[in-house]
């Protein structure tokens, strides 16, 4: 079973000033257009750059993308490579942006 966090909970954790380990798996152009921080490694390059991840394998890492699809793929790749606590942002950054529009 894959772990997920929804936009409301993530936003609360950010507002509480929690230090989060974010891994944004969108393409670089998407990341530079809009991001909420964290490390950027596109999902298509994740397997070959797995050793560039700056977080520990035991840390909670929240993977994010636009809609939550690519981050699910990244979650599986990371889990297969020994990362133990990977959480997917359900609905992706779009769900987080919708909260801020209201």
C-alpha atoms as a PDB file:
ATOM      1  CA  UNK A   1       0.000   0.000   0.000  1.00  0.00           C
ATOM      2  CA  UNK A   2       1.412   3.356  -0.966  1.00  0.00           C
ATOM      3  CA  UNK A   3       1.388   6.233   1.485  1.00  0.00           C
ATOM      4  CA  UNK A   4      -0.264   9.487   0.462  1.00  0.00           C
ATOM      5  CA  UNK A   5      -0.700  12.957   1.856  1.00  0.00           C
ATOM      6  CA  UNK A   6      -3.441  15.297   0.727  1.00  0.00           C
ATOM      7  CA  UNK A   7      -3.015  18.979  -0.098  1.00  0.00           C
ATOM      8  CA  UNK A   8      -4.675  20.182   3.125  1.00  0.00           C
ATOM      9  CA  UNK A   9      -2.316  18.206   5.362  1.00  0.00           C
ATOM     10  CA  UNK A  10       0.750  19.201   3.352  1.00  0.00           C
ATOM     11  CA  UNK A  11      -0.222  22.864   3.452  1.00  0.00           C
ATOM     12  CA  UNK A  12      -0.692  22.669   7.240  1.00  0.00           C
ATOM     13  CA  UNK A  13       2.744  21.104   7.658  1.00  0.00           C
ATOM     14  CA  UNK A  14       4.321  23.824   5.485  1.00  0.00           C
ATOM     15  CA  UNK A  15       2.509  26.585   7.406  1.00  0.00           C
ATOM     16  CA  UNK A  16       3.653  25.044  10.694  1.00  0.00           C
ATOM     17  CA  UNK A  17       7.232  25.553   9.497  1.00  0.00           C
ATOM     18  CA  UNK A  18       7.992  21.859   9.424  1.00  0.00           C
ATOM     19  CA  UNK A  19      11.233  20.960   7.649  1.00  0.00           C
ATOM     20  CA  UNK A  20      10.011  18.670   4.867  1.00  0.00           C
ATOM     21  CA  UNK A  21      11.985  16.508   2.480  1.00  0.00           C
ATOM     22  CA  UNK A  22      10.382  17.291  -0.863  1.00  0.00           C
ATOM     23  CA  UNK A  23      11.313  15.601  -4.123  1.00  0.00           C
ATOM     24  CA  UNK A  24       9.737  17.260  -7.161  1.00  0.00           C
ATOM     25  CA  UNK A  25       9.757  14.810 -10.076  1.00  0.00           C
ATOM     26  CA  UNK A  26       8.475  17.175 -12.774  1.00  0.00           C
ATOM     27  CA  UNK A  27      10.637  18.368 -15.651  1.00  0.00           C
ATOM     28  CA  UNK A  28      13.047  21.215 -14.868  1.00  0.00           C
ATOM     29  CA  UNK A  29      11.033  23.789 -16.834  1.00  0.00           C
ATOM     30  CA  UNK A  30       7.915  22.951 -14.800  1.00  0.00           C
ATOM     31  CA  UNK A  31       9.890  23.156 -11.564  1.00  0.00           C
ATOM     32  CA  UNK A  32      11.366  26.549 -12.436  1.00  0.00           C
ATOM     33  CA  UNK A  33       7.939  27.900 -13.466  1.00  0.00           C
ATOM     34  CA  UNK A  34       6.357  27.041 -10.084  1.00  0.00           C
ATOM     35  CA  UNK A  35       7.571  25.000  -7.109  1.00  0.00           C
ATOM     36  CA  UNK A  36       7.236  24.720  -3.350  1.00  0.00           C
ATOM     37  CA  UNK A  37      10.897  23.930  -2.798  1.00  0.00           C
ATOM     38  CA  UNK A  38      12.718  20.673  -2.433  1.00  0.00           C
ATOM     39  CA  UNK A  39      14.995  18.806  -4.771  1.00  0.00           C
ATOM     40  CA  UNK A  40      14.125  18.453  -8.455  1.00  0.00           C
ATOM     41  CA  UNK A  41      14.899  15.211 -10.287  1.00  0.00           C
ATOM     42  CA  UNK A  42      12.540  14.453 -13.208  1.00  0.00           C
ATOM     43  CA  UNK A  43      10.939  11.014 -12.900  1.00  0.00           C
ATOM     44  CA  UNK A  44      12.403   9.961 -16.263  1.00  0.00           C
ATOM     45  CA  UNK A  45      15.912  10.478 -14.889  1.00  0.00           C
ATOM     46  CA  UNK A  46      15.262   9.198 -11.371  1.00  0.00           C
ATOM     47  CA  UNK A  47      16.686   5.690 -11.810  1.00  0.00           C
ATOM     48  CA  UNK A  48      19.969   6.948 -13.245  1.00  0.00           C
ATOM     49  CA  UNK A  49      20.264   9.774 -10.680  1.00  0.00           C
ATOM     50  CA  UNK A  50      19.029   7.885  -7.607  1.00  0.00           C
ATOM     51  CA  UNK A  51      22.395   8.482  -5.919  1.00  0.00           C
ATOM     52  CA  UNK A  52      21.894  12.270  -6.252  1.00  0.00           C
ATOM     53  CA  UNK A  53      18.964  12.272  -3.832  1.00  0.00           C
ATOM     54  CA  UNK A  54      20.061  14.430  -0.918  1.00  0.00           C
ATOM     55  CA  UNK A  55      17.845  12.713   1.670  1.00  0.00           C
ATOM     56  CA  UNK A  56      18.518   9.597   3.745  1.00  0.00           C
ATOM     57  CA  UNK A  57      16.807   6.339   2.822  1.00  0.00           C
ATOM     58  CA  UNK A  58      15.125   6.296   6.235  1.00  0.00           C
ATOM     59  CA  UNK A  59      13.746   9.872   6.004  1.00  0.00           C
ATOM     60  CA  UNK A  60      10.179  10.665   5.088  1.00  0.00           C
ATOM     61  CA  UNK A  61      10.307  11.965   1.520  1.00  0.00           C
ATOM     62  CA  UNK A  62       7.243  13.583  -0.036  1.00  0.00           C
ATOM     63  CA  UNK A  63       7.236  13.151  -3.821  1.00  0.00           C
ATOM     64  CA  UNK A  64       5.366  15.751  -5.825  1.00  0.00           C
ATOM     65  CA  UNK A  65       4.428  16.434  -9.443  1.00  0.00           C
ATOM     66  CA  UNK A  66       1.606  18.259 -11.219  1.00  0.00           C
ATOM     67  CA  UNK A  67      -1.253  15.808 -10.742  1.00  0.00           C
ATOM     68  CA  UNK A  68       0.091  12.959  -8.594  1.00  0.00           C
ATOM     69  CA  UNK A  69       0.695  10.468 -11.414  1.00  0.00           C
ATOM     70  CA  UNK A  70       4.437  10.854 -12.026  1.00  0.00           C
ATOM     71  CA  UNK A  71       5.025  11.055  -8.296  1.00  0.00           C
ATOM     72  CA  UNK A  72       3.323   7.661  -7.885  1.00  0.00           C
ATOM     73  CA  UNK A  73       5.810   6.228 -10.381  1.00  0.00           C
ATOM     74  CA  UNK A  74       8.660   7.909  -8.486  1.00  0.00           C
ATOM     75  CA  UNK A  75       7.329   6.500  -5.228  1.00  0.00           C
ATOM     76  CA  UNK A  76       7.575   2.976  -6.661  1.00  0.00           C
ATOM     77  CA  UNK A  77      11.107   3.580  -8.020  1.00  0.00           C
ATOM     78  CA  UNK A  78      12.312   4.931  -4.676  1.00  0.00           C
ATOM     79  CA  UNK A  79      10.729   2.082  -2.726  1.00  0.00           C
ATOM     80  CA  UNK A  80      12.362  -0.465  -5.071  1.00  0.00           C
ATOM     81  CA  UNK A  81      15.699   1.224  -4.361  1.00  0.00           C
ATOM     82  CA  UNK A  82      15.475   0.896  -0.602  1.00  0.00           C
ATOM     83  CA  UNK A  83      13.871   4.187   0.429  1.00  0.00           C
ATOM     84  CA  UNK A  84      11.563   3.296   3.283  1.00  0.00           C
ATOM     85  CA  UNK A  85       9.171   6.187   3.875  1.00  0.00           C
ATOM     86  CA  UNK A  86       7.980   7.677   0.596  1.00  0.00           C
ATOM     87  CA  UNK A  87       4.750   9.696   0.617  1.00  0.00           C
ATOM     88  CA  UNK A  88       2.940  10.795  -2.553  1.00  0.00           C
ATOM     89  CA  UNK A  89       1.151  14.162  -2.748  1.00  0.00           C
ATOM     90  CA  UNK A  90      -2.353  13.079  -3.782  1.00  0.00           C
ATOM     91  CA  UNK A  91      -3.595  15.220  -6.661  1.00  0.00           C
ATOM     92  CA  UNK A  92      -0.183  16.853  -7.032  1.00  0.00           C
ATOM     93  CA  UNK A  93       0.606  20.535  -6.993  1.00  0.00           C
ATOM     94  CA  UNK A  94      -2.677  21.285  -8.762  1.00  0.00           C
ATOM     95  CA  UNK A  95      -4.553  20.227  -5.625  1.00  0.00           C
ATOM     96  CA  UNK A  96      -2.295  22.447  -3.505  1.00  0.00           C
ATOM     97  CA  UNK A  97      -2.801  25.421  -5.834  1.00  0.00           C
ATOM     98  CA  UNK A  98      -6.597  24.972  -5.672  1.00  0.00           C
ATOM     99  CA  UNK A  99      -6.440  25.501  -1.899  1.00  0.00           C
ATOM    100  CA  UNK A 100      -4.683  28.817  -2.377  1.00  0.00           C
ATOM    101  CA  UNK A 101      -7.213  30.040  -4.970  1.00  0.00           C
ATOM    102  CA  UNK A 102     -10.144  29.818  -2.546  1.00  0.00           C
END
